[in-house]
Amino acid sequence: MIEKKGMVRVSFTELNKETVLINKVNANLFRGMEAVGGKLTITNQRLIFTSHSLNIQAGTTDIPMSEIATVRKRNTMGLIPNGMSVILKNGTEHKFVVWKRDMLIKTILDNMGS
């Protein structure tokens, strides 16, 4: 891992290209009825949600930027304005609970064409 002027570059050999870490934030990802707590990592190539080990539904969800159709705001439980939906080209929707969603949505949209 190489850190340079506030950016961390992580090389994923299985991708055979360099990936730039853009942001890493606390988040919840709805898996069915459970809001799984963890970290959402945003790179120029993908979104990676990694759950905390204490969750019932532990594990990683990897979403390539190239598979994302759109990202939009949503309200958690229909009321709380802290949700973000990532909708894939195949129609799958990933529902996240995050802080600073406007900034995260803009970051994702800005990197979808990369």
C-alpha atoms as a PDB file:
ATOM      1  CA  MET A   1       0.000   0.000   0.000  1.00  0.00           C
ATOM      2  CA  ILE A   2       1.392   3.390  -0.993  1.00  0.00           C
ATOM      3  CA  GLU A   3       0.149   6.615   0.585  1.00  0.00           C
ATOM      4  CA  LYS A   4       0.674   9.791  -1.410  1.00  0.00           C
ATOM      5  CA  LYS A   5      -0.698  13.237  -0.523  1.00  0.00           C
ATOM      6  CA  GLY A   6      -3.803  11.953   1.278  1.00  0.00           C
ATOM      7  CA  MET A   7      -4.637   9.219  -1.222  1.00  0.00           C
ATOM      8  CA  VAL A   8      -3.931   5.569  -0.641  1.00  0.00           C
ATOM      9  CA  ARG A   9      -3.187   3.421  -3.678  1.00  0.00           C
ATOM     10  CA  VAL A  10      -3.914  -0.260  -3.360  1.00  0.00           C
ATOM     11  CA  SER A  11      -2.758  -2.655  -6.047  1.00  0.00           C
ATOM     12  CA  PHE A  12      -5.101  -5.606  -6.642  1.00  0.00           C
ATOM     13  CA  THR A  13      -3.079  -8.175  -8.571  1.00  0.00           C
ATOM     14  CA  GLU A  14      -6.186 -10.169  -9.484  1.00  0.00           C
ATOM     15  CA  LEU A  15      -7.495  -7.093 -11.332  1.00  0.00           C
ATOM     16  CA  ASN A  16      -4.141  -6.487 -13.036  1.00  0.00           C
ATOM     17  CA  LYS A  17      -4.597  -2.720 -12.688  1.00  0.00           C
ATOM     18  CA  GLU A  18      -4.055  -0.080 -10.083  1.00  0.00           C
ATOM     19  CA  THR A  19      -7.012   0.926  -7.932  1.00  0.00           C
ATOM     20  CA  VAL A  20      -7.257   4.248  -6.098  1.00  0.00           C
ATOM     21  CA  LEU A  21      -8.927   4.333  -2.682  1.00  0.00           C
ATOM     22  CA  ILE A  22     -11.257   7.329  -2.654  1.00  0.00           C
ATOM     23  CA  ASN A  23     -13.148   6.996   0.631  1.00  0.00           C
ATOM     24  CA  LYS A  24     -13.890   4.541   3.426  1.00  0.00           C
ATOM     25  CA  VAL A  25     -16.914   5.171   5.659  1.00  0.00           C
ATOM     26  CA  ASN A  26     -19.051   3.460   8.262  1.00  0.00           C
ATOM     27  CA  ALA A  27     -22.224   2.105   6.689  1.00  0.00           C
ATOM     28  CA  ASN A  28     -25.025  -0.395   7.049  1.00  0.00           C
ATOM     29  CA  LEU A  29     -26.167  -2.570   4.150  1.00  0.00           C
ATOM     30  CA  PHE A  30     -29.638  -4.079   4.226  1.00  0.00           C
ATOM     31  CA  ARG A  31     -29.512  -7.817   3.621  1.00  0.00           C
ATOM     32  CA  GLY A  32     -33.156  -8.777   3.839  1.00  0.00           C
ATOM     33  CA  MET A  33     -34.487  -7.323   7.095  1.00  0.00           C
ATOM     34  CA  GLU A  34     -31.064  -7.045   8.741  1.00  0.00           C
ATOM     35  CA  ALA A  35     -29.129  -3.778   8.513  1.00  0.00           C
ATOM     36  CA  VAL A  36     -25.623  -5.236   8.516  1.00  0.00           C
ATOM     37  CA  GLY A  37     -23.024  -2.898  10.016  1.00  0.00           C
ATOM     38  CA  GLY A  38     -19.616  -2.476   8.442  1.00  0.00           C
ATOM     39  CA  LYS A  39     -17.393  -0.337   6.226  1.00  0.00           C
ATOM     40  CA  LEU A  40     -18.085   0.887   2.705  1.00  0.00           C
ATOM     41  CA  THR A  41     -14.911   1.361   0.689  1.00  0.00           C
ATOM     42  CA  ILE A  42     -15.173   3.430  -2.489  1.00  0.00           C
ATOM     43  CA  THR A  43     -12.442   3.079  -5.095  1.00  0.00           C
ATOM     44  CA  ASN A  44     -12.261   4.295  -8.666  1.00  0.00           C
ATOM     45  CA  GLN A  45     -13.172   0.735  -9.757  1.00  0.00           C
ATOM     46  CA  ARG A  46     -15.717  -0.568  -7.230  1.00  0.00           C
ATOM     47  CA  LEU A  47     -17.696  -0.313  -4.017  1.00  0.00           C
ATOM     48  CA  ILE A  48     -16.712  -2.843  -1.373  1.00  0.00           C
ATOM     49  CA  PHE A  49     -18.891  -3.355   1.695  1.00  0.00           C
ATOM     50  CA  THR A  50     -17.211  -5.393   4.424  1.00  0.00           C
ATOM     51  CA  SER A  51     -19.366  -6.339   7.401  1.00  0.00           C
ATOM     52  CA  HIS A  52     -18.257  -6.341  11.009  1.00  0.00           C
ATOM     53  CA  SER A  53     -17.586  -9.883  12.232  1.00  0.00           C
ATOM     54  CA  LEU A  54     -20.353  -9.642  14.867  1.00  0.00           C
ATOM     55  CA  ASN A  55     -23.184  -9.527  12.311  1.00  0.00           C
ATOM     56  CA  ILE A  56     -25.351 -12.571  11.654  1.00  0.00           C
ATOM     57  CA  GLN A  57     -24.889 -12.043   7.903  1.00  0.00           C
ATOM     58  CA  ALA A  58     -21.158 -11.384   7.787  1.00  0.00           C
ATOM     59  CA  GLY A  59     -19.176 -11.087   4.569  1.00  0.00           C
ATOM     60  CA  THR A  60     -18.198  -8.810   1.718  1.00  0.00           C
ATOM     61  CA  THR A  61     -20.301  -7.330  -1.076  1.00  0.00           C
ATOM     62  CA  ASP A  62     -18.247  -6.221  -4.087  1.00  0.00           C
ATOM     63  CA  ILE A  63     -19.918  -3.927  -6.642  1.00  0.00           C
ATOM     64  CA  PRO A  64     -17.919  -2.988  -9.767  1.00  0.00           C
ATOM     65  CA  MET A  65     -18.515   0.615 -10.880  1.00  0.00           C
ATOM     66  CA  SER A  66     -19.155  -0.711 -14.392  1.00  0.00           C
ATOM     67  CA  GLU A  67     -22.224  -2.618 -13.100  1.00  0.00           C
ATOM     68  CA  ILE A  68     -23.884   0.422 -11.469  1.00  0.00           C
ATOM     69  CA  ALA A  69     -26.826   1.930 -13.379  1.00  0.00           C
ATOM     70  CA  THR A  70     -27.603   4.702 -10.899  1.00  0.00           C
ATOM     71  CA  VAL A  71     -27.303   5.858  -7.303  1.00  0.00           C
ATOM     72  CA  ARG A  72     -30.038   7.773  -5.511  1.00  0.00           C
ATOM     73  CA  LYS A  73     -31.166   9.022  -2.132  1.00  0.00           C
ATOM     74  CA  ARG A  74     -33.605   7.009  -0.046  1.00  0.00           C
ATOM     75  CA  ASN A  75     -35.126   7.368   3.387  1.00  0.00           C
ATOM     76  CA  THR A  76     -34.452   4.629   5.913  1.00  0.00           C
ATOM     77  CA  MET A  77     -37.752   3.227   7.224  1.00  0.00           C
ATOM     78  CA  GLY A  78     -39.439   5.757   4.927  1.00  0.00           C
ATOM     79  CA  LEU A  79     -38.571   8.624   7.287  1.00  0.00           C
ATOM     80  CA  ILE A  80     -34.877   9.084   8.028  1.00  0.00           C
ATOM     81  CA  PRO A  81     -32.946  10.885   5.241  1.00  0.00           C
ATOM     82  CA  ASN A  82     -29.744   8.856   5.556  1.00  0.00           C
ATOM     83  CA  GLY A  83     -30.189   6.159   2.929  1.00  0.00           C
ATOM     84  CA  MET A  84     -28.543   5.549  -0.418  1.00  0.00           C
ATOM     85  CA  SER A  85     -29.673   3.052  -3.070  1.00  0.00           C
ATOM     86  CA  VAL A  86     -27.150   1.620  -5.512  1.00  0.00           C
ATOM     87  CA  ILE A  87     -29.045   0.134  -8.449  1.00  0.00           C
ATOM     88  CA  LEU A  88     -27.216  -2.212 -10.770  1.00  0.00           C
ATOM     89  CA  LYS A  89     -27.751  -2.616 -14.499  1.00  0.00           C
ATOM     90  CA  ASN A  90     -29.349  -6.028 -13.842  1.00  0.00           C
ATOM     91  CA  GLY A  91     -31.971  -4.389 -11.555  1.00  0.00           C
ATOM     92  CA  THR A  92     -30.468  -5.480  -8.222  1.00  0.00           C
ATOM     93  CA  GLU A  93     -30.758  -2.773  -5.552  1.00  0.00           C
ATOM     94  CA  HIS A  94     -28.327  -2.431  -2.653  1.00  0.00           C
ATOM     95  CA  LYS A  95     -29.703  -0.271   0.170  1.00  0.00           C
ATOM     96  CA  PHE A  96     -27.165   1.471   2.394  1.00  0.00           C
ATOM     97  CA  VAL A  97     -27.456   3.650   5.491  1.00  0.00           C
ATOM     98  CA  VAL A  98     -24.698   6.275   5.456  1.00  0.00           C
ATOM     99  CA  TRP A  99     -23.833   9.749   6.713  1.00  0.00           C
ATOM    100  CA  LYS A 100     -23.024  12.493   4.196  1.00  0.00           C
ATOM    101  CA  ARG A 101     -24.932  10.637   1.495  1.00  0.00           C
ATOM    102  CA  ASP A 102     -24.923  13.607  -0.916  1.00  0.00           C
ATOM    103  CA  MET A 103     -21.119  13.590  -0.963  1.00  0.00           C
ATOM    104  CA  LEU A 104     -20.978   9.790  -1.324  1.00  0.00           C
ATOM    105  CA  ILE A 105     -23.538   9.746  -4.134  1.00  0.00           C
ATOM    106  CA  LYS A 106     -21.605  12.441  -6.009  1.00  0.00           C
ATOM    107  CA  THR A 107     -18.344  10.511  -5.506  1.00  0.00           C
ATOM    108  CA  ILE A 108     -19.872   7.315  -6.885  1.00  0.00           C
ATOM    109  CA  LEU A 109     -21.526   9.051  -9.836  1.00  0.00           C
ATOM    110  CA  ASP A 110     -18.279  10.841 -10.667  1.00  0.00           C
ATOM    111  CA  ASN A 111     -16.420   7.512 -10.781  1.00  0.00           C
ATOM    112  CA  MET A 112     -18.970   5.380 -12.635  1.00  0.00           C
ATOM    113  CA  GLY A 113     -17.439   6.292 -15.992  1.00  0.00           C
ATOM    114  CA  SER A 114     -13.871   5.436 -14.954  1.00  0.00           C
END
